[in-house]
Each structure stands twice: as structure tokens, then as C-alpha cells.
């Protein structure tokens, strides 16, 4: 009567629906969102209708790069800590640039320090 369950012998990795859902709506990088915010009001276009996006793509948070199902959900999102942190981050200096990435990887100009004496 005792013993282990026979299904415990085989450990399967099940396909996670969450990962498939996450990749469905890819987010823009911080630098792309920052550039979008820096554009003037004249360059911003009205949102097109898209059946694949929540709320037909009409309820969008530009700072967080997220779509919402309706106005109420979007307005609740505006009150969250996550949105407020993102606002503060995007209102400051540019998040990162290609030059920053190259310097971090050691591909920028070498900095050998000041020349002390020439012999």
C-alpha cells in the first residue's frame, strides 16, 4: 500500500504559458522609450486600432510601454509605485547610450592616465 507515486519517477518540464504570453507583447528598451518621450507633440500620432493588443491598443502608457484593457485599469496603473518610479527614471538623464555600453565592455578609448614625465 505504501510507496511513491509512479508519476514521480518521470520529471517533465512542462511548457509554461506565462513565457509564451510574456514574449507576445515585447517591451521597448529604456533608451527607445526615452527617445519617444523626447519627441515633440507634433510628431506623436494617434494610436492605431490593433485587435491583438489589449483594449484594441487604445489605452497605452508611454512611460512603461504597456497597453491596458480599459481606461479604469490604465488610470489605476498611473497611481502605482512602479509607474511613478518609471516616471522619475525617464524624467532624468538618458538611461544609457551606445557609448556607455562600449566603455563598460572595454571597447572605448583607452584611459592610460595623465602623462607624468617624458624622458
PDB file of N, CA and C in Angstrom:
ATOM      1  N   UNK A   1       0.811  -1.194   0.000  1.00  0.00           N
ATOM      2  CA  UNK A   1       0.000   0.000   0.000  1.00  0.00           C
ATOM      3  C   UNK A   1       0.855   1.259   0.000  1.00  0.00           C
ATOM      4  N   UNK A   2       2.032   1.186   0.535  1.00  0.00           N
ATOM      5  CA  UNK A   2       2.864   2.369   0.592  1.00  0.00           C
ATOM      6  C   UNK A   2       3.660   2.542  -0.687  1.00  0.00           C
ATOM      7  N   UNK A   3       4.641   3.372  -0.636  1.00  0.00           N
ATOM      8  CA  UNK A   3       5.498   3.594  -1.791  1.00  0.00           C
ATOM      9  C   UNK A   3       5.226   4.939  -2.443  1.00  0.00           C
ATOM     10  N   UNK A   4       6.071   5.217  -3.378  1.00  0.00           N
ATOM     11  CA  UNK A   4       5.953   6.500  -4.060  1.00  0.00           C
ATOM     12  C   UNK A   4       4.947   6.426  -5.186  1.00  0.00           C
ATOM     13  N   UNK A   5       4.482   7.556  -5.561  1.00  0.00           N
ATOM     14  CA  UNK A   5       3.571   7.661  -6.688  1.00  0.00           C
ATOM     15  C   UNK A   5       4.343   7.369  -7.979  1.00  0.00           C
ATOM     16  N   UNK A   6       3.798   6.564  -8.902  1.00  0.00           N
ATOM     17  CA  UNK A   6       4.552   6.230 -10.113  1.00  0.00           C
ATOM     18  C   UNK A   6       4.860   7.429 -10.992  1.00  0.00           C
ATOM     19  N   UNK A   7       4.081   8.468 -10.880  1.00  0.00           N
ATOM     20  CA  UNK A   7       4.332   9.629 -11.730  1.00  0.00           C
ATOM     21  C   UNK A   7       5.538  10.441 -11.257  1.00  0.00           C
ATOM     22  N   UNK A   8       6.035  10.188 -10.054  1.00  0.00           N
ATOM     23  CA  UNK A   8       7.183  10.927  -9.542  1.00  0.00           C
ATOM     24  C   UNK A   8       8.482  10.476 -10.180  1.00  0.00           C
ATOM     25  N   UNK A   9       8.483   9.293 -10.813  1.00  0.00           N
ATOM     26  CA  UNK A   9       9.704   8.779 -11.411  1.00  0.00           C
ATOM     27  C   UNK A   9      10.132   9.615 -12.611  1.00  0.00           C
ATOM     28  N   UNK A  10       9.175  10.137 -13.338  1.00  0.00           N
ATOM     29  CA  UNK A  10       9.475  10.901 -14.543  1.00  0.00           C
ATOM     30  C   UNK A  10       9.204  12.373 -14.238  1.00  0.00           C
ATOM     31  N   UNK A  11      10.248  13.152 -14.334  1.00  0.00           N
ATOM     32  CA  UNK A  11      10.080  14.587 -14.110  1.00  0.00           C
ATOM     33  C   UNK A  11      10.088  15.280 -15.456  1.00  0.00           C
ATOM     34  N   UNK A  12       8.978  15.827 -15.826  1.00  0.00           N
ATOM     35  CA  UNK A  12       8.870  16.515 -17.103  1.00  0.00           C
ATOM     36  C   UNK A  12       8.923  18.013 -16.885  1.00  0.00           C
ATOM     37  N   UNK A  13       9.462  18.677 -17.848  1.00  0.00           N
ATOM     38  CA  UNK A  13       9.375  20.133 -17.831  1.00  0.00           C
ATOM     39  C   UNK A  13       8.162  20.505 -18.656  1.00  0.00           C
ATOM     40  N   UNK A  14       7.258  21.115 -18.023  1.00  0.00           N
ATOM     41  CA  UNK A  14       6.023  21.481 -18.708  1.00  0.00           C
ATOM     42  C   UNK A  14       6.193  22.833 -19.380  1.00  0.00           C
ATOM     43  N   UNK A  15       5.506  23.014 -20.476  1.00  0.00           N
ATOM     44  CA  UNK A  15       5.549  24.285 -21.192  1.00  0.00           C
ATOM     45  C   UNK A  15       4.792  25.325 -20.387  1.00  0.00           C
ATOM     46  N   UNK A  16       5.441  26.402 -20.087  1.00  0.00           N
ATOM     47  CA  UNK A  16       4.815  27.463 -19.311  1.00  0.00           C
ATOM     48  C   UNK A  16       4.087  28.423 -20.236  1.00  0.00           C
ATOM     49  N   UNK A  17       2.820  28.624 -19.977  1.00  0.00           N
ATOM     50  CA  UNK A  17       2.050  29.564 -20.788  1.00  0.00           C
ATOM     51  C   UNK A  17       2.440  31.002 -20.491  1.00  0.00           C
ATOM     52  N   UNK A  18       3.041  31.235 -19.330  1.00  0.00           N
ATOM     53  CA  UNK A  18       3.421  32.598 -18.968  1.00  0.00           C
ATOM     54  C   UNK A  18       4.543  33.123 -19.860  1.00  0.00           C
ATOM     55  N   UNK A  19       5.506  32.267 -20.172  1.00  0.00           N
ATOM     56  CA  UNK A  19       6.616  32.731 -21.003  1.00  0.00           C
ATOM     57  C   UNK A  19       6.143  33.038 -22.415  1.00  0.00           C
ATOM     58  N   UNK A  20       5.220  32.230 -22.910  1.00  0.00           N
ATOM     59  CA  UNK A  20       4.686  32.496 -24.242  1.00  0.00           C
ATOM     60  C   UNK A  20       3.907  33.801 -24.244  1.00  0.00           C
ATOM     61  N   UNK A  21       3.191  34.063 -23.187  1.00  0.00           N
ATOM     62  CA  UNK A  21       2.402  35.293 -23.090  1.00  0.00           C
ATOM     63  C   UNK A  21       3.327  36.503 -22.952  1.00  0.00           C
ATOM     64  N   UNK A  22       4.418  36.354 -22.183  1.00  0.00           N
ATOM     65  CA  UNK A  22       5.348  37.459 -21.983  1.00  0.00           C
ATOM     66  C   UNK A  22       5.992  37.896 -23.286  1.00  0.00           C
ATOM     67  N   UNK A  23       6.349  36.940 -24.118  1.00  0.00           N
ATOM     68  CA  UNK A  23       7.019  37.290 -25.361  1.00  0.00           C
ATOM     69  C   UNK A  23       6.041  37.818 -26.401  1.00  0.00           C
ATOM     70  N   UNK A  24       4.743  37.645 -26.155  1.00  0.00           N
ATOM     71  CA  UNK A  24       3.764  38.139 -27.120  1.00  0.00           C
ATOM     72  C   UNK A  24       3.804  39.663 -27.197  1.00  0.00           C
ATOM     73  N   UNK A  25       3.961  40.306 -26.060  1.00  0.00           N
ATOM     74  CA  UNK A  25       3.998  41.765 -26.007  1.00  0.00           C
ATOM     75  C   UNK A  25       5.392  42.195 -25.588  1.00  0.00           C
ATOM     76  N   UNK A  26       6.302  42.291 -26.527  1.00  0.00           N
ATOM     77  CA  UNK A  26       7.672  42.678 -26.216  1.00  0.00           C
ATOM     78  C   UNK A  26       7.726  44.156 -25.858  1.00  0.00           C
ATOM     79  N   UNK A  27       8.489  44.479 -24.837  1.00  0.00           N
ATOM     80  CA  UNK A  27       8.612  45.857 -24.393  1.00  0.00           C
ATOM     81  C   UNK A  27       9.797  46.517 -25.074  1.00  0.00           C
ATOM     82  N   UNK A  28       9.690  47.820 -25.245  1.00  0.00           N
ATOM     83  CA  UNK A  28      10.807  48.582 -25.794  1.00  0.00           C
ATOM     84  C   UNK A  28      11.866  48.748 -24.713  1.00  0.00           C
ATOM     85  N   UNK A  29      13.081  49.004 -25.137  1.00  0.00           N
ATOM     86  CA  UNK A  29      14.144  49.269 -24.192  1.00  0.00           C
ATOM     87  C   UNK A  29      14.001  50.662 -23.593  1.00  0.00           C
ATOM     88  N   UNK A  30      14.727  50.900 -22.510  1.00  0.00           N
ATOM     89  CA  UNK A  30      14.659  52.196 -21.838  1.00  0.00           C
ATOM     90  C   UNK A  30      15.062  53.334 -22.763  1.00  0.00           C
ATOM     91  N   UNK A  31      16.081  53.107 -23.585  1.00  0.00           N
ATOM     92  CA  UNK A  31      16.545  54.171 -24.464  1.00  0.00           C
ATOM     93  C   UNK A  31      15.513  54.499 -25.545  1.00  0.00           C
ATOM     94  N   UNK A  32      14.794  53.503 -26.045  1.00  0.00           N
ATOM     95  CA  UNK A  32      13.764  53.758 -27.062  1.00  0.00           C
ATOM     96  C   UNK A  32      12.592  54.527 -26.471  1.00  0.00           C
ATOM     97  N   UNK A  33      12.212  54.197 -25.243  1.00  0.00           N
ATOM     98  CA  UNK A  33      11.118  54.914 -24.576  1.00  0.00           C
ATOM     99  C   UNK A  33      11.545  56.352 -24.297  1.00  0.00           C
ATOM    100  N   UNK A  34      12.796  56.540 -23.863  1.00  0.00           N
ATOM    101  CA  UNK A  34      13.303  57.881 -23.575  1.00  0.00           C
ATOM    102  C   UNK A  34      13.283  58.752 -24.830  1.00  0.00           C
ATOM    103  N   UNK A  35      13.713  58.190 -25.972  1.00  0.00           N
ATOM    104  CA  UNK A  35      13.694  58.949 -27.226  1.00  0.00           C
ATOM    105  C   UNK A  35      12.270  59.303 -27.639  1.00  0.00           C
ATOM    106  N   UNK A  36      11.338  58.393 -27.410  1.00  0.00           N
ATOM    107  CA  UNK A  36       9.931  58.641 -27.738  1.00  0.00           C
ATOM    108  C   UNK A  36       9.376  59.789 -26.895  1.00  0.00           C
ATOM    109  N   UNK A  37       9.795  59.840 -25.632  1.00  0.00           N
ATOM    110  CA  UNK A  37       9.335  60.918 -24.752  1.00  0.00           C
ATOM    111  C   UNK A  37       9.938  62.264 -25.134  1.00  0.00           C
ATOM    112  N   UNK A  38      11.152  62.251 -25.690  1.00  0.00           N
ATOM    113  CA  UNK A  38      11.814  63.496 -26.049  1.00  0.00           C
ATOM    114  C   UNK A  38      11.269  64.113 -27.323  1.00  0.00           C
ATOM    115  N   UNK A  39      10.502  63.348 -28.106  1.00  0.00           N
ATOM    116  CA  UNK A  39       9.924  63.892 -29.336  1.00  0.00           C
ATOM    117  C   UNK A  39       8.908  64.975 -28.991  1.00  0.00           C
ATOM    118  N   UNK A  40       8.729  65.901 -29.916  1.00  0.00           N
ATOM    119  CA  UNK A  40       7.739  66.950 -29.712  1.00  0.00           C
ATOM    120  C   UNK A  40       6.328  66.417 -29.871  1.00  0.00           C
ATOM    121  N   UNK A  41       5.343  67.204 -29.439  1.00  0.00           N
ATOM    122  CA  UNK A  41       3.945  66.791 -29.538  1.00  0.00           C
ATOM    123  C   UNK A  41       3.492  66.685 -30.990  1.00  0.00           C
ATOM    124  N   UNK A  42       4.143  67.430 -31.883  1.00  0.00           N
ATOM    125  CA  UNK A  42       3.732  67.412 -33.284  1.00  0.00           C
ATOM    126  C   UNK A  42       4.067  66.075 -33.950  1.00  0.00           C
ATOM    127  N   UNK A  43       5.079  65.357 -33.437  1.00  0.00           N
ATOM    128  CA  UNK A  43       5.492  64.105 -34.057  1.00  0.00           C
ATOM    129  C   UNK A  43       4.697  62.909 -33.543  1.00  0.00           C
ATOM    130  N   UNK A  44       3.954  63.062 -32.441  1.00  0.00           N
ATOM    131  CA  UNK A  44       3.198  61.952 -31.881  1.00  0.00           C
ATOM    132  C   UNK A  44       1.924  61.739 -32.690  1.00  0.00           C
ATOM    133  N   UNK A  45       1.668  60.487 -33.033  1.00  0.00           N
ATOM    134  CA  UNK A  45       0.499  60.148 -33.831  1.00  0.00           C
ATOM    135  C   UNK A  45      -0.556  59.503 -32.938  1.00  0.00           C
ATOM    136  N   UNK A  46      -1.841  59.567 -33.333  1.00  0.00           N
ATOM    137  CA  UNK A  46      -2.856  58.840 -32.559  1.00  0.00           C
ATOM    138  C   UNK A  46      -2.627  57.331 -32.679  1.00  0.00           C
ATOM    139  N   UNK A  47      -3.049  56.606 -31.655  1.00  0.00           N
ATOM    140  CA  UNK A  47      -2.807  55.171 -31.635  1.00  0.00           C
ATOM    141  C   UNK A  47      -3.704  54.452 -32.639  1.00  0.00           C
ATOM    142  N   UNK A  48      -3.151  53.585 -33.467  1.00  0.00           N
ATOM    143  CA  UNK A  48      -3.981  52.818 -34.401  1.00  0.00           C
ATOM    144  C   UNK A  48      -4.698  51.686 -33.672  1.00  0.00           C
ATOM    145  N   UNK A  49      -5.823  51.253 -34.203  1.00  0.00           N
ATOM    146  CA  UNK A  49      -6.553  50.130 -33.607  1.00  0.00           C
ATOM    147  C   UNK A  49      -5.863  48.831 -33.994  1.00  0.00           C
ATOM    148  N   UNK A  50      -5.645  47.984 -32.989  1.00  0.00           N
ATOM    149  CA  UNK A  50      -4.990  46.700 -33.217  1.00  0.00           C
ATOM    150  C   UNK A  50      -5.735  45.645 -32.408  1.00  0.00           C
ATOM    151  N   UNK A  51      -6.288  44.664 -33.078  1.00  0.00           N
ATOM    152  CA  UNK A  51      -7.093  43.643 -32.406  1.00  0.00           C
ATOM    153  C   UNK A  51      -6.258  42.745 -31.494  1.00  0.00           C
ATOM    154  N   UNK A  52      -4.984  42.623 -31.752  1.00  0.00           N
ATOM    155  CA  UNK A  52      -4.138  41.736 -30.961  1.00  0.00           C
ATOM    156  C   UNK A  52      -3.746  42.325 -29.613  1.00  0.00           C
ATOM    157  N   UNK A  53      -3.838  43.626 -29.459  1.00  0.00           N
ATOM    158  CA  UNK A  53      -3.434  44.275 -28.219  1.00  0.00           C
ATOM    159  C   UNK A  53      -4.623  44.425 -27.275  1.00  0.00           C
ATOM    160  N   UNK A  54      -4.364  44.469 -25.972  1.00  0.00           N
ATOM    161  CA  UNK A  54      -5.462  44.682 -25.021  1.00  0.00           C
ATOM    162  C   UNK A  54      -6.134  46.028 -25.261  1.00  0.00           C
ATOM    163  N   UNK A  55      -7.453  46.053 -25.171  1.00  0.00           N
ATOM    164  CA  UNK A  55      -8.206  47.295 -25.358  1.00  0.00           C
ATOM    165  C   UNK A  55      -8.071  47.856 -26.760  1.00  0.00           C
ATOM    166  N   UNK A  56      -7.843  46.989 -27.730  1.00  0.00           N
ATOM    167  CA  UNK A  56      -7.679  47.391 -29.130  1.00  0.00           C
ATOM    168  C   UNK A  56      -6.512  48.366 -29.310  1.00  0.00           C
ATOM    169  N   UNK A  57      -5.588  48.400 -28.360  1.00  0.00           N
ATOM    170  CA  UNK A  57      -4.403  49.242 -28.477  1.00  0.00           C
ATOM    171  C   UNK A  57      -4.665  50.716 -28.231  1.00  0.00           C
ATOM    172  N   UNK A  58      -5.791  51.060 -27.618  1.00  0.00           N
ATOM    173  CA  UNK A  58      -6.149  52.458 -27.420  1.00  0.00           C
ATOM    174  C   UNK A  58      -5.705  53.019 -26.069  1.00  0.00           C
ATOM    175  N   UNK A  59      -5.461  52.163 -25.087  1.00  0.00           N
ATOM    176  CA  UNK A  59      -5.113  52.619 -23.736  1.00  0.00           C
ATOM    177  C   UNK A  59      -3.670  52.226 -23.472  1.00  0.00           C
ATOM    178  N   UNK A  60      -2.774  53.200 -23.575  1.00  0.00           N
ATOM    179  CA  UNK A  60      -1.330  52.944 -23.585  1.00  0.00           C
ATOM    180  C   UNK A  60      -0.631  53.863 -22.607  1.00  0.00           C
ATOM    181  N   UNK A  61       0.330  53.310 -21.880  1.00  0.00           N
ATOM    182  CA  UNK A  61       1.198  54.106 -21.004  1.00  0.00           C
ATOM    183  C   UNK A  61       2.530  54.238 -21.717  1.00  0.00           C
ATOM    184  N   UNK A  62       2.867  55.441 -22.134  1.00  0.00           N
ATOM    185  CA  UNK A  62       4.080  55.680 -22.900  1.00  0.00           C
ATOM    186  C   UNK A  62       5.337  55.439 -22.069  1.00  0.00           C
ATOM    187  N   UNK A  63       5.295  55.816 -20.792  1.00  0.00           N
ATOM    188  CA  UNK A  63       6.474  55.678 -19.945  1.00  0.00           C
ATOM    189  C   UNK A  63       6.818  54.217 -19.671  1.00  0.00           C
ATOM    190  N   UNK A  64       5.808  53.388 -19.445  1.00  0.00           N
ATOM    191  CA  UNK A  64       6.039  51.981 -19.105  1.00  0.00           C
ATOM    192  C   UNK A  64       5.941  51.069 -20.319  1.00  0.00           C
ATOM    193  N   UNK A  65       5.500  51.594 -21.459  1.00  0.00           N
ATOM    194  CA  UNK A  65       5.348  50.830 -22.691  1.00  0.00           C
ATOM    195  C   UNK A  65       4.406  49.645 -22.468  1.00  0.00           C
ATOM    196  N   UNK A  66       3.205  49.947 -21.933  1.00  0.00           N
ATOM    197  CA  UNK A  66       2.216  48.909 -21.655  1.00  0.00           C
ATOM    198  C   UNK A  66       0.864  49.317 -22.214  1.00  0.00           C
ATOM    199  N   UNK A  67       0.102  48.310 -22.643  1.00  0.00           N
ATOM    200  CA  UNK A  67      -1.261  48.514 -23.106  1.00  0.00           C
ATOM    201  C   UNK A  67      -2.220  47.994 -22.046  1.00  0.00           C
ATOM    202  N   UNK A  68      -3.392  48.620 -21.934  1.00  0.00           N
ATOM    203  CA  UNK A  68      -4.371  48.240 -20.925  1.00  0.00           C
ATOM    204  C   UNK A  68      -5.720  47.983 -21.572  1.00  0.00           C
ATOM    205  N   UNK A  69      -6.551  47.212 -20.855  1.00  0.00           N
ATOM    206  CA  UNK A  69      -7.841  46.789 -21.392  1.00  0.00           C
ATOM    207  C   UNK A  69      -8.845  47.937 -21.453  1.00  0.00           C
ATOM    208  N   UNK A  70      -8.812  48.838 -20.457  1.00  0.00           N
ATOM    209  CA  UNK A  70      -9.744  49.972 -20.477  1.00  0.00           C
ATOM    210  C   UNK A  70      -9.147  51.153 -19.720  1.00  0.00           C
ATOM    211  N   UNK A  71      -9.885  52.235 -19.685  1.00  0.00           N
ATOM    212  CA  UNK A  71      -9.399  53.480 -19.074  1.00  0.00           C
ATOM    213  C   UNK A  71      -9.206  53.318 -17.574  1.00  0.00           C
ATOM    214  N   UNK A  72     -10.119  52.597 -16.919  1.00  0.00           N
ATOM    215  CA  UNK A  72     -10.023  52.451 -15.464  1.00  0.00           C
ATOM    216  C   UNK A  72      -8.744  51.735 -15.050  1.00  0.00           C
ATOM    217  N   UNK A  73      -8.384  50.690 -15.766  1.00  0.00           N
ATOM    218  CA  UNK A  73      -7.164  49.943 -15.451  1.00  0.00           C
ATOM    219  C   UNK A  73      -5.942  50.817 -15.693  1.00  0.00           C
ATOM    220  N   UNK A  74      -5.972  51.594 -16.778  1.00  0.00           N
ATOM    221  CA  UNK A  74      -4.848  52.472 -17.069  1.00  0.00           C
ATOM    222  C   UNK A  74      -4.710  53.553 -15.986  1.00  0.00           C
ATOM    223  N   UNK A  75      -5.828  54.120 -15.557  1.00  0.00           N
ATOM    224  CA  UNK A  75      -5.767  55.143 -14.514  1.00  0.00           C
ATOM    225  C   UNK A  75      -5.287  54.569 -13.184  1.00  0.00           C
ATOM    226  N   UNK A  76      -5.649  53.329 -12.878  1.00  0.00           N
ATOM    227  CA  UNK A  76      -5.139  52.682 -11.667  1.00  0.00           C
ATOM    228  C   UNK A  76      -3.625  52.458 -11.789  1.00  0.00           C
ATOM    229  N   UNK A  77      -3.173  52.136 -12.981  1.00  0.00           N
ATOM    230  CA  UNK A  77      -1.743  51.942 -13.212  1.00  0.00           C
ATOM    231  C   UNK A  77      -0.970  53.237 -12.964  1.00  0.00           C
ATOM    232  N   UNK A  78      -1.561  54.360 -13.320  1.00  0.00           N
ATOM    233  CA  UNK A  78      -0.896  55.647 -13.117  1.00  0.00           C
ATOM    234  C   UNK A  78      -0.640  55.924 -11.646  1.00  0.00           C
ATOM    235  N   UNK A  79      -1.370  55.291 -10.741  1.00  0.00           N
ATOM    236  CA  UNK A  79      -1.214  55.515  -9.304  1.00  0.00           C
ATOM    237  C   UNK A  79      -0.215  54.557  -8.659  1.00  0.00           C
ATOM    238  N   UNK A  80       0.286  53.582  -9.392  1.00  0.00           N
ATOM    239  CA  UNK A  80       1.153  52.564  -8.796  1.00  0.00           C
ATOM    240  C   UNK A  80       2.576  53.067  -8.596  1.00  0.00           C
ATOM    241  N   UNK A  81       3.268  52.388  -7.691  1.00  0.00           N
ATOM    242  CA  UNK A  81       4.659  52.725  -7.395  1.00  0.00           C
ATOM    243  C   UNK A  81       5.551  52.450  -8.602  1.00  0.00           C
ATOM    244  N   UNK A  82       5.254  51.374  -9.316  1.00  0.00           N
ATOM    245  CA  UNK A  82       6.066  51.009 -10.476  1.00  0.00           C
ATOM    246  C   UNK A  82       6.031  52.106 -11.540  1.00  0.00           C
ATOM    247  N   UNK A  83       4.851  52.672 -11.792  1.00  0.00           N
ATOM    248  CA  UNK A  83       4.717  53.741 -12.784  1.00  0.00           C
ATOM    249  C   UNK A  83       5.422  55.010 -12.309  1.00  0.00           C
ATOM    250  N   UNK A  84       5.279  55.328 -11.035  1.00  0.00           N
ATOM    251  CA  UNK A  84       5.902  56.547 -10.508  1.00  0.00           C
ATOM    252  C   UNK A  84       7.426  56.463 -10.557  1.00  0.00           C
ATOM    253  N   UNK A  85       7.980  55.275 -10.286  1.00  0.00           N
ATOM    254  CA  UNK A  85       9.434  55.100 -10.394  1.00  0.00           C
ATOM    255  C   UNK A  85       9.888  55.267 -11.838  1.00  0.00           C
ATOM    256  N   UNK A  86       9.080  54.732 -12.750  1.00  0.00           N
ATOM    257  CA  UNK A  86       9.417  54.825 -14.173  1.00  0.00           C
ATOM    258  C   UNK A  86       9.363  56.280 -14.642  1.00  0.00           C
ATOM    259  N   UNK A  87       8.377  57.047 -14.163  1.00  0.00           N
ATOM    260  CA  UNK A  87       8.292  58.473 -14.495  1.00  0.00           C
ATOM    261  C   UNK A  87       9.545  59.208 -14.047  1.00  0.00           C
ATOM    262  N   UNK A  88       9.972  58.920 -12.811  1.00  0.00           N
ATOM    263  CA  UNK A  88      11.157  59.579 -12.263  1.00  0.00           C
ATOM    264  C   UNK A  88      12.403  59.200 -13.059  1.00  0.00           C
ATOM    265  N   UNK A  89      12.504  57.931 -13.449  1.00  0.00           N
ATOM    266  CA  UNK A  89      13.654  57.461 -14.213  1.00  0.00           C
ATOM    267  C   UNK A  89      13.700  58.114 -15.590  1.00  0.00           C
ATOM    268  N   UNK A  90      12.546  58.260 -16.238  1.00  0.00           N
ATOM    269  CA  UNK A  90      12.509  58.810 -17.591  1.00  0.00           C
ATOM    270  C   UNK A  90      12.603  60.333 -17.616  1.00  0.00           C
ATOM    271  N   UNK A  91      12.341  60.987 -16.488  1.00  0.00           N
ATOM    272  CA  UNK A  91      12.440  62.446 -16.471  1.00  0.00           C
ATOM    273  C   UNK A  91      13.875  62.919 -16.247  1.00  0.00           C
ATOM    274  N   UNK A  92      14.751  62.020 -15.820  1.00  0.00           N
ATOM    275  CA  UNK A  92      16.146  62.366 -15.574  1.00  0.00           C
ATOM    276  C   UNK A  92      16.975  62.312 -16.842  1.00  0.00           C
ATOM    277  N   UNK A  93      18.268  62.076 -16.690  1.00  0.00           N
ATOM    278  CA  UNK A  93      19.144  61.967 -17.874  1.00  0.00           C
ATOM    279  C   UNK A  93      18.850  60.688 -18.653  1.00  0.00           C
ATOM    280  N   UNK A  94      19.409  60.598 -19.852  1.00  0.00           N
ATOM    281  CA  UNK A  94      19.189  59.428 -20.697  1.00  0.00           C
ATOM    282  C   UNK A  94      19.658  58.165 -19.967  1.00  0.00           C
ATOM    283  N   UNK A  95      18.883  57.082 -20.031  1.00  0.00           N
ATOM    284  CA  UNK A  95      19.220  55.882 -19.267  1.00  0.00           C
ATOM    285  C   UNK A  95      20.578  55.285 -19.627  1.00  0.00           C
ATOM    286  N   UNK A  96      20.852  55.093 -20.890  1.00  0.00           N
ATOM    287  CA  UNK A  96      22.151  54.596 -21.328  1.00  0.00           C
ATOM    288  C   UNK A  96      22.281  54.822 -22.820  1.00  0.00           C
ATOM    289  N   UNK A  97      23.525  54.857 -23.259  1.00  0.00           N
ATOM    290  CA  UNK A  97      23.785  55.091 -24.672  1.00  0.00           C
ATOM    291  C   UNK A  97      24.725  54.007 -25.180  1.00  0.00           C
ATOM    292  N   UNK A  98      24.959  54.011 -26.469  1.00  0.00           N
ATOM    293  CA  UNK A  98      25.885  53.045 -27.053  1.00  0.00           C
ATOM    294  C   UNK A  98      27.303  53.290 -26.542  1.00  0.00           C
ATOM    295  N   UNK A  99      27.671  54.556 -26.330  1.00  0.00           N
ATOM    296  CA  UNK A  99      29.000  54.876 -25.802  1.00  0.00           C
ATOM    297  C   UNK A  99      29.189  54.284 -24.408  1.00  0.00           C
ATOM    298  N   UNK A 100      28.162  54.371 -23.562  1.00  0.00           N
ATOM    299  CA  UNK A 100      28.246  53.775 -22.227  1.00  0.00           C
ATOM    300  C   UNK A 100      28.458  52.270 -22.306  1.00  0.00           C
ATOM    301  N   UNK A 101      27.749  51.627 -23.226  1.00  0.00           N
ATOM    302  CA  UNK A 101      27.875  50.179 -23.372  1.00  0.00           C
ATOM    303  C   UNK A 101      29.279  49.799 -23.839  1.00  0.00           C
ATOM    304  N   UNK A 102      29.834  50.558 -24.768  1.00  0.00           N
ATOM    305  CA  UNK A 102      31.177  50.259 -25.259  1.00  0.00           C
ATOM    306  C   UNK A 102      32.227  50.481 -24.180  1.00  0.00           C
ATOM    307  N   UNK A 103      32.077  51.540 -23.395  1.00  0.00           N
ATOM    308  CA  UNK A 103      33.040  51.794 -22.314  1.00  0.00           C
ATOM    309  C   UNK A 103      32.965  50.697 -21.265  1.00  0.00           C
ATOM    310  N   UNK A 104      31.763  50.225 -20.964  1.00  0.00           N
ATOM    311  CA  UNK A 104      31.614  49.165 -19.974  1.00  0.00           C
ATOM    312  C   UNK A 104      32.228  47.860 -20.468  1.00  0.00           C
ATOM    313  N   UNK A 105      32.191  47.639 -21.770  1.00  0.00           N
ATOM    314  CA  UNK A 105      32.754  46.417 -22.336  1.00  0.00           C
ATOM    315  C   UNK A 105      34.251  46.541 -22.584  1.00  0.00           C
ATOM    316  N   UNK A 106      34.810  47.719 -22.360  1.00  0.00           N
ATOM    317  CA  UNK A 106      36.238  47.915 -22.573  1.00  0.00           C
ATOM    318  C   UNK A 106      36.584  48.185 -24.019  1.00  0.00           C
ATOM    319  N   UNK A 107      35.622  48.638 -24.807  1.00  0.00           N
ATOM    320  CA  UNK A 107      35.868  48.874 -26.223  1.00  0.00           C
ATOM    321  C   UNK A 107      36.062  50.359 -26.539  1.00  0.00           C
ATOM    322  N   UNK A 108      36.001  51.227 -25.533  1.00  0.00           N
ATOM    323  CA  UNK A 108      36.129  52.652 -25.770  1.00  0.00           C
ATOM    324  C   UNK A 108      37.583  53.077 -25.867  1.00  0.00           C
ATOM    325  N   UNK A 109      37.789  54.378 -25.845  1.00  0.00           N
ATOM    326  CA  UNK A 109      39.137  54.926 -25.895  1.00  0.00           C
ATOM    327  C   UNK A 109      39.896  54.512 -24.629  1.00  0.00           C
ATOM    328  N   UNK A 110      41.151  54.117 -24.751  1.00  0.00           N
ATOM    329  CA  UNK A 110      41.901  53.719 -23.563  1.00  0.00           C
ATOM    330  C   UNK A 110      42.217  54.932 -22.696  1.00  0.00           C
ATOM    331  N   UNK A 111      42.106  54.735 -21.409  1.00  0.00           N
ATOM    332  CA  UNK A 111      42.428  55.801 -20.466  1.00  0.00           C
ATOM    333  C   UNK A 111      43.681  55.365 -19.713  1.00  0.00           C
ATOM    334  N   UNK A 112      44.820  55.861 -20.141  1.00  0.00           N
ATOM    335  CA  UNK A 112      46.080  55.476 -19.519  1.00  0.00           C
ATOM    336  C   UNK A 112      46.511  56.442 -18.431  1.00  0.00           C
ATOM    337  N   UNK A 113      45.683  57.400 -18.117  1.00  0.00           N
ATOM    338  CA  UNK A 113      46.023  58.354 -17.073  1.00  0.00           C
ATOM    339  C   UNK A 113      46.857  59.504 -17.631  1.00  0.00           C
ATOM    340  N   UNK A 114      47.139  60.498 -16.802  1.00  0.00           N
ATOM    341  CA  UNK A 114      47.930  61.640 -17.285  1.00  0.00           C
ATOM    342  C   UNK A 114      49.406  61.246 -17.466  1.00  0.00           C
ATOM    343  N   UNK A 115      50.044  61.886 -18.413  1.00  0.00           N
ATOM    344  CA  UNK A 115      51.477  61.628 -18.629  1.00  0.00           C
ATOM    345  C   UNK A 115      52.255  62.328 -17.533  1.00  0.00           C
ATOM    346  N   UNK A 116      53.133  61.574 -16.875  1.00  0.00           N
ATOM    347  CA  UNK A 116      53.861  62.132 -15.743  1.00  0.00           C
ATOM    348  C   UNK A 116      55.099  62.875 -16.202  1.00  0.00           C
ATOM    349  N   UNK A 117      55.997  62.196 -16.854  1.00  0.00           N
ATOM    350  CA  UNK A 117      57.227  62.828 -17.334  1.00  0.00           C
ATOM    351  C   UNK A 117      57.621  62.183 -18.649  1.00  0.00           C
ATOM    352  N   UNK A 118      58.173  62.971 -19.508  1.00  0.00           N
ATOM    353  CA  UNK A 118      58.688  62.394 -20.758  1.00  0.00           C
ATOM    354  C   UNK A 118      60.207  62.294 -20.633  1.00  0.00           C
ATOM    355  N   UNK A 119      60.768  61.189 -21.018  1.00  0.00           N
ATOM    356  CA  UNK A 119      62.212  61.006 -20.895  1.00  0.00           C
ATOM    357  C   UNK A 119      62.871  61.058 -22.200  1.00  0.00           C
TER     358      UNK A 119
END
